[in-house]
Amino acid sequence: MKTNVTFGDFCDAFRDMNRNENFTYEGKKALFEYLEEYEEDCDMEFELDVIALCCDYSEYKNMKEVKENYNDITDIEELRDNTTVIEFDGGLIVQQY
């Protein structure tokens, strides 16, 4: 049995799991939209797992912050070559690798 998740449900799930601070509101919106688009493109459904999302993705304000965690990355193109990068107004969501 599946339940469709709205963006509000998505945000509530982060709050309910005490993970609301892992992503900003804008970051959650960007991640939610990315996951919805990915589902449509791949014709598959995800199970909402907040803990897994928090382990798999991190939000950064800018490339300077990314470089602090990935000192081998020189620019955003190199980052994109290594992993999924979701850009949004206010930052980046990076899939950990």
N, C-alpha and C. Protein backbone atom coordinates (compact mmCIF):
# COMPACT_ATOMS: atom_id res chain seq x y z
N MET A 1 0.85 -1.17 0.00
CA MET A 1 0.00 0.00 0.00
C MET A 1 0.90 1.24 0.00
N LYS A 2 0.65 2.16 -0.91
CA LYS A 2 1.46 3.36 -1.05
C LYS A 2 0.63 4.58 -0.72
N THR A 3 1.30 5.61 -0.23
CA THR A 3 0.67 6.89 0.03
C THR A 3 1.44 7.96 -0.72
N ASN A 4 0.75 8.81 -1.45
CA ASN A 4 1.40 9.94 -2.09
C ASN A 4 1.79 10.96 -1.03
N VAL A 5 2.97 11.52 -1.18
CA VAL A 5 3.49 12.46 -0.21
C VAL A 5 3.52 13.84 -0.85
N THR A 6 2.91 14.80 -0.18
CA THR A 6 2.98 16.18 -0.62
C THR A 6 4.24 16.81 -0.03
N PHE A 7 4.56 18.02 -0.49
CA PHE A 7 5.71 18.71 0.08
C PHE A 7 5.49 18.96 1.57
N GLY A 8 4.28 19.28 1.97
CA GLY A 8 3.96 19.48 3.38
C GLY A 8 4.21 18.21 4.19
N ASP A 9 3.80 17.06 3.66
CA ASP A 9 4.05 15.77 4.33
C ASP A 9 5.55 15.52 4.45
N PHE A 10 6.27 15.86 3.40
CA PHE A 10 7.72 15.68 3.35
C PHE A 10 8.37 16.49 4.49
N CYS A 11 7.98 17.76 4.61
CA CYS A 11 8.52 18.62 5.67
C CYS A 11 8.12 18.10 7.05
N ASP A 12 6.87 17.68 7.19
CA ASP A 12 6.40 17.14 8.47
C ASP A 12 7.20 15.90 8.88
N ALA A 13 7.55 15.07 7.92
CA ALA A 13 8.31 13.86 8.22
C ALA A 13 9.69 14.21 8.78
N PHE A 14 10.33 15.25 8.25
CA PHE A 14 11.62 15.69 8.78
C PHE A 14 11.45 16.20 10.21
N ARG A 15 10.41 16.99 10.44
CA ARG A 15 10.14 17.51 11.78
C ARG A 15 9.87 16.38 12.76
N ASP A 16 9.03 15.43 12.35
CA ASP A 16 8.65 14.32 13.22
C ASP A 16 9.84 13.42 13.59
N MET A 17 10.84 13.38 12.73
CA MET A 17 12.03 12.56 12.99
C MET A 17 13.15 13.38 13.63
N ASN A 18 12.83 14.61 14.06
CA ASN A 18 13.83 15.51 14.67
C ASN A 18 15.00 15.77 13.74
N ARG A 19 14.71 15.89 12.45
CA ARG A 19 15.74 16.16 11.43
C ARG A 19 15.42 17.44 10.67
N ASN A 20 14.61 18.29 11.25
CA ASN A 20 14.17 19.50 10.58
C ASN A 20 15.32 20.43 10.25
N GLU A 21 16.40 20.38 11.03
CA GLU A 21 17.53 21.28 10.83
C GLU A 21 18.54 20.76 9.80
N ASN A 22 18.35 19.55 9.30
CA ASN A 22 19.30 19.02 8.32
C ASN A 22 19.27 19.78 7.00
N PHE A 23 18.10 20.32 6.67
CA PHE A 23 17.95 21.08 5.43
C PHE A 23 17.10 22.31 5.72
N THR A 24 17.40 23.38 5.01
CA THR A 24 16.55 24.56 5.09
C THR A 24 15.23 24.26 4.39
N TYR A 25 14.27 25.13 4.56
CA TYR A 25 13.00 24.99 3.85
C TYR A 25 13.25 24.92 2.34
N GLU A 26 14.08 25.83 1.84
CA GLU A 26 14.39 25.86 0.41
C GLU A 26 15.12 24.60 -0.02
N GLY A 27 16.00 24.09 0.84
CA GLY A 27 16.71 22.85 0.54
C GLY A 27 15.78 21.66 0.49
N LYS A 28 14.84 21.59 1.42
CA LYS A 28 13.85 20.50 1.40
C LYS A 28 13.02 20.57 0.12
N LYS A 29 12.64 21.78 -0.27
CA LYS A 29 11.84 21.94 -1.49
C LYS A 29 12.62 21.46 -2.71
N ALA A 30 13.89 21.84 -2.80
CA ALA A 30 14.73 21.42 -3.92
C ALA A 30 14.91 19.90 -3.94
N LEU A 31 15.14 19.31 -2.77
CA LEU A 31 15.31 17.86 -2.68
C LEU A 31 14.02 17.14 -3.03
N PHE A 32 12.90 17.63 -2.52
CA PHE A 32 11.59 17.04 -2.82
C PHE A 32 11.32 17.08 -4.32
N GLU A 33 11.54 18.22 -4.95
CA GLU A 33 11.30 18.35 -6.39
C GLU A 33 12.24 17.45 -7.19
N TYR A 34 13.49 17.34 -6.76
CA TYR A 34 14.43 16.46 -7.44
C TYR A 34 13.96 15.01 -7.35
N LEU A 35 13.56 14.58 -6.15
CA LEU A 35 13.11 13.19 -5.97
C LEU A 35 11.84 12.90 -6.77
N GLU A 36 10.92 13.85 -6.81
CA GLU A 36 9.70 13.66 -7.62
C GLU A 36 10.04 13.52 -9.09
N GLU A 37 10.93 14.37 -9.58
CA GLU A 37 11.33 14.32 -10.99
C GLU A 37 12.06 13.01 -11.29
N TYR A 38 12.92 12.59 -10.38
CA TYR A 38 13.65 11.34 -10.55
C TYR A 38 12.67 10.16 -10.64
N GLU A 39 11.66 10.16 -9.77
CA GLU A 39 10.65 9.10 -9.80
C GLU A 39 9.96 9.06 -11.16
N GLU A 40 9.58 10.22 -11.67
CA GLU A 40 8.89 10.28 -12.96
C GLU A 40 9.80 9.83 -14.09
N ASP A 41 11.05 10.30 -14.09
CA ASP A 41 11.99 9.96 -15.15
C ASP A 41 12.33 8.47 -15.17
N CYS A 42 12.41 7.86 -14.01
CA CYS A 42 12.81 6.45 -13.91
C CYS A 42 11.63 5.51 -13.74
N ASP A 43 10.43 6.07 -13.71
CA ASP A 43 9.20 5.28 -13.55
C ASP A 43 9.31 4.33 -12.36
N MET A 44 9.65 4.92 -11.21
CA MET A 44 9.76 4.15 -9.99
C MET A 44 9.25 5.00 -8.83
N GLU A 45 9.01 4.37 -7.69
CA GLU A 45 8.55 5.08 -6.50
C GLU A 45 9.56 4.91 -5.38
N PHE A 46 9.78 5.99 -4.64
CA PHE A 46 10.63 5.94 -3.46
C PHE A 46 9.78 5.77 -2.22
N GLU A 47 10.35 5.14 -1.23
CA GLU A 47 9.75 5.12 0.10
C GLU A 47 10.40 6.27 0.87
N LEU A 48 9.60 7.11 1.50
CA LEU A 48 10.14 8.23 2.24
C LEU A 48 10.87 7.72 3.48
N ASP A 49 12.18 7.91 3.49
CA ASP A 49 13.03 7.51 4.60
C ASP A 49 13.90 8.71 4.95
N VAL A 50 13.45 9.49 5.92
CA VAL A 50 14.12 10.72 6.30
C VAL A 50 15.56 10.48 6.73
N ILE A 51 15.78 9.45 7.52
CA ILE A 51 17.14 9.16 8.01
C ILE A 51 18.06 8.85 6.84
N ALA A 52 17.60 8.06 5.89
CA ALA A 52 18.43 7.74 4.72
C ALA A 52 18.73 9.00 3.91
N LEU A 53 17.73 9.85 3.74
CA LEU A 53 17.96 11.10 2.99
C LEU A 53 18.99 11.97 3.70
N CYS A 54 18.92 12.03 5.02
CA CYS A 54 19.89 12.83 5.78
C CYS A 54 21.30 12.23 5.71
N CYS A 55 21.39 10.93 5.56
CA CYS A 55 22.70 10.27 5.40
C CYS A 55 23.22 10.41 3.98
N ASP A 56 22.33 10.40 3.01
CA ASP A 56 22.72 10.41 1.60
C ASP A 56 22.97 11.80 1.02
N TYR A 57 22.34 12.82 1.59
CA TYR A 57 22.42 14.17 1.03
C TYR A 57 22.78 15.17 2.12
N SER A 58 23.52 16.19 1.72
CA SER A 58 23.86 17.30 2.63
C SER A 58 23.62 18.61 1.90
N GLU A 59 23.27 19.61 2.68
CA GLU A 59 23.04 20.94 2.11
C GLU A 59 24.23 21.84 2.43
N TYR A 60 24.63 22.63 1.45
CA TYR A 60 25.72 23.58 1.60
C TYR A 60 25.25 24.94 1.10
N LYS A 61 25.78 26.00 1.71
CA LYS A 61 25.42 27.35 1.29
C LYS A 61 26.08 27.72 -0.04
N ASN A 62 27.28 27.20 -0.27
CA ASN A 62 28.04 27.57 -1.47
C ASN A 62 29.16 26.55 -1.69
N MET A 63 29.91 26.76 -2.76
CA MET A 63 31.01 25.84 -3.10
C MET A 63 32.13 25.91 -2.06
N LYS A 64 32.30 27.05 -1.44
CA LYS A 64 33.33 27.16 -0.40
C LYS A 64 33.07 26.15 0.72
N GLU A 65 31.82 26.04 1.14
CA GLU A 65 31.46 25.05 2.17
C GLU A 65 31.67 23.62 1.66
N VAL A 66 31.33 23.37 0.40
CA VAL A 66 31.53 22.04 -0.17
C VAL A 66 33.01 21.68 -0.12
N LYS A 67 33.85 22.62 -0.52
CA LYS A 67 35.30 22.36 -0.57
C LYS A 67 35.88 22.07 0.81
N GLU A 68 35.23 22.56 1.87
CA GLU A 68 35.70 22.26 3.23
C GLU A 68 35.53 20.78 3.55
N ASN A 69 34.53 20.13 2.94
CA ASN A 69 34.31 18.70 3.16
C ASN A 69 34.93 17.84 2.07
N TYR A 70 35.07 18.39 0.90
CA TYR A 70 35.64 17.66 -0.24
C TYR A 70 36.80 18.49 -0.77
N ASN A 71 37.94 18.42 -0.11
CA ASN A 71 39.07 19.27 -0.49
C ASN A 71 39.71 18.90 -1.82
N ASP A 72 39.32 17.76 -2.41
CA ASP A 72 39.84 17.38 -3.72
C ASP A 72 39.03 17.97 -4.86
N ILE A 73 37.91 18.62 -4.56
CA ILE A 73 37.04 19.21 -5.57
C ILE A 73 37.47 20.65 -5.82
N THR A 74 37.63 21.02 -7.08
CA THR A 74 38.07 22.38 -7.40
C THR A 74 36.93 23.30 -7.83
N ASP A 75 35.88 22.71 -8.44
CA ASP A 75 34.77 23.54 -8.89
C ASP A 75 33.49 22.70 -9.00
N ILE A 76 32.40 23.36 -9.30
CA ILE A 76 31.10 22.67 -9.34
C ILE A 76 31.03 21.63 -10.45
N GLU A 77 31.71 21.87 -11.56
CA GLU A 77 31.71 20.89 -12.65
C GLU A 77 32.37 19.60 -12.21
N GLU A 78 33.45 19.70 -11.50
CA GLU A 78 34.13 18.51 -10.99
C GLU A 78 33.25 17.80 -9.96
N LEU A 79 32.55 18.57 -9.14
CA LEU A 79 31.62 17.98 -8.19
C LEU A 79 30.52 17.21 -8.91
N ARG A 80 29.96 17.82 -9.97
CA ARG A 80 28.91 17.15 -10.76
C ARG A 80 29.43 15.88 -11.41
N ASP A 81 30.69 15.84 -11.77
CA ASP A 81 31.28 14.64 -12.36
C ASP A 81 31.34 13.48 -11.37
N ASN A 82 31.32 13.80 -10.08
CA ASN A 82 31.46 12.78 -9.04
C ASN A 82 30.16 12.38 -8.36
N THR A 83 29.15 13.25 -8.42
CA THR A 83 27.93 12.97 -7.66
C THR A 83 26.77 13.82 -8.17
N THR A 84 25.62 13.62 -7.56
CA THR A 84 24.44 14.42 -7.86
C THR A 84 24.52 15.74 -7.12
N VAL A 85 24.28 16.83 -7.85
CA VAL A 85 24.27 18.16 -7.26
C VAL A 85 22.93 18.80 -7.61
N ILE A 86 22.21 19.25 -6.60
CA ILE A 86 20.93 19.92 -6.79
C ILE A 86 21.14 21.38 -6.41
N GLU A 87 21.14 22.24 -7.41
CA GLU A 87 21.32 23.67 -7.15
C GLU A 87 19.96 24.33 -6.94
N PHE A 88 19.91 25.26 -6.01
CA PHE A 88 18.69 26.02 -5.76
C PHE A 88 19.08 27.40 -5.25
N ASP A 89 18.12 28.30 -5.27
CA ASP A 89 18.39 29.64 -4.79
C ASP A 89 18.65 29.59 -3.30
N GLY A 90 19.90 29.74 -2.93
CA GLY A 90 20.28 29.69 -1.52
C GLY A 90 21.28 28.60 -1.19
N GLY A 91 21.62 27.75 -2.16
CA GLY A 91 22.63 26.73 -1.86
C GLY A 91 22.64 25.56 -2.80
N LEU A 92 23.21 24.48 -2.29
CA LEU A 92 23.37 23.23 -3.04
C LEU A 92 23.03 22.06 -2.14
N ILE A 93 22.43 21.06 -2.72
CA ILE A 93 22.25 19.76 -2.06
C ILE A 93 23.20 18.81 -2.79
N VAL A 94 24.05 18.13 -2.04
CA VAL A 94 25.04 17.24 -2.63
C VAL A 94 24.80 15.83 -2.10
N GLN A 95 24.74 14.87 -3.03
CA GLN A 95 24.66 13.47 -2.62
C GLN A 95 26.06 13.05 -2.17
N GLN A 96 26.13 12.53 -0.95
CA GLN A 96 27.43 12.13 -0.38
C GLN A 96 28.06 11.03 -1.20
N TYR A 97 29.37 11.07 -1.28
CA TYR A 97 30.12 10.02 -1.96
C TYR A 97 31.42 9.77 -1.27
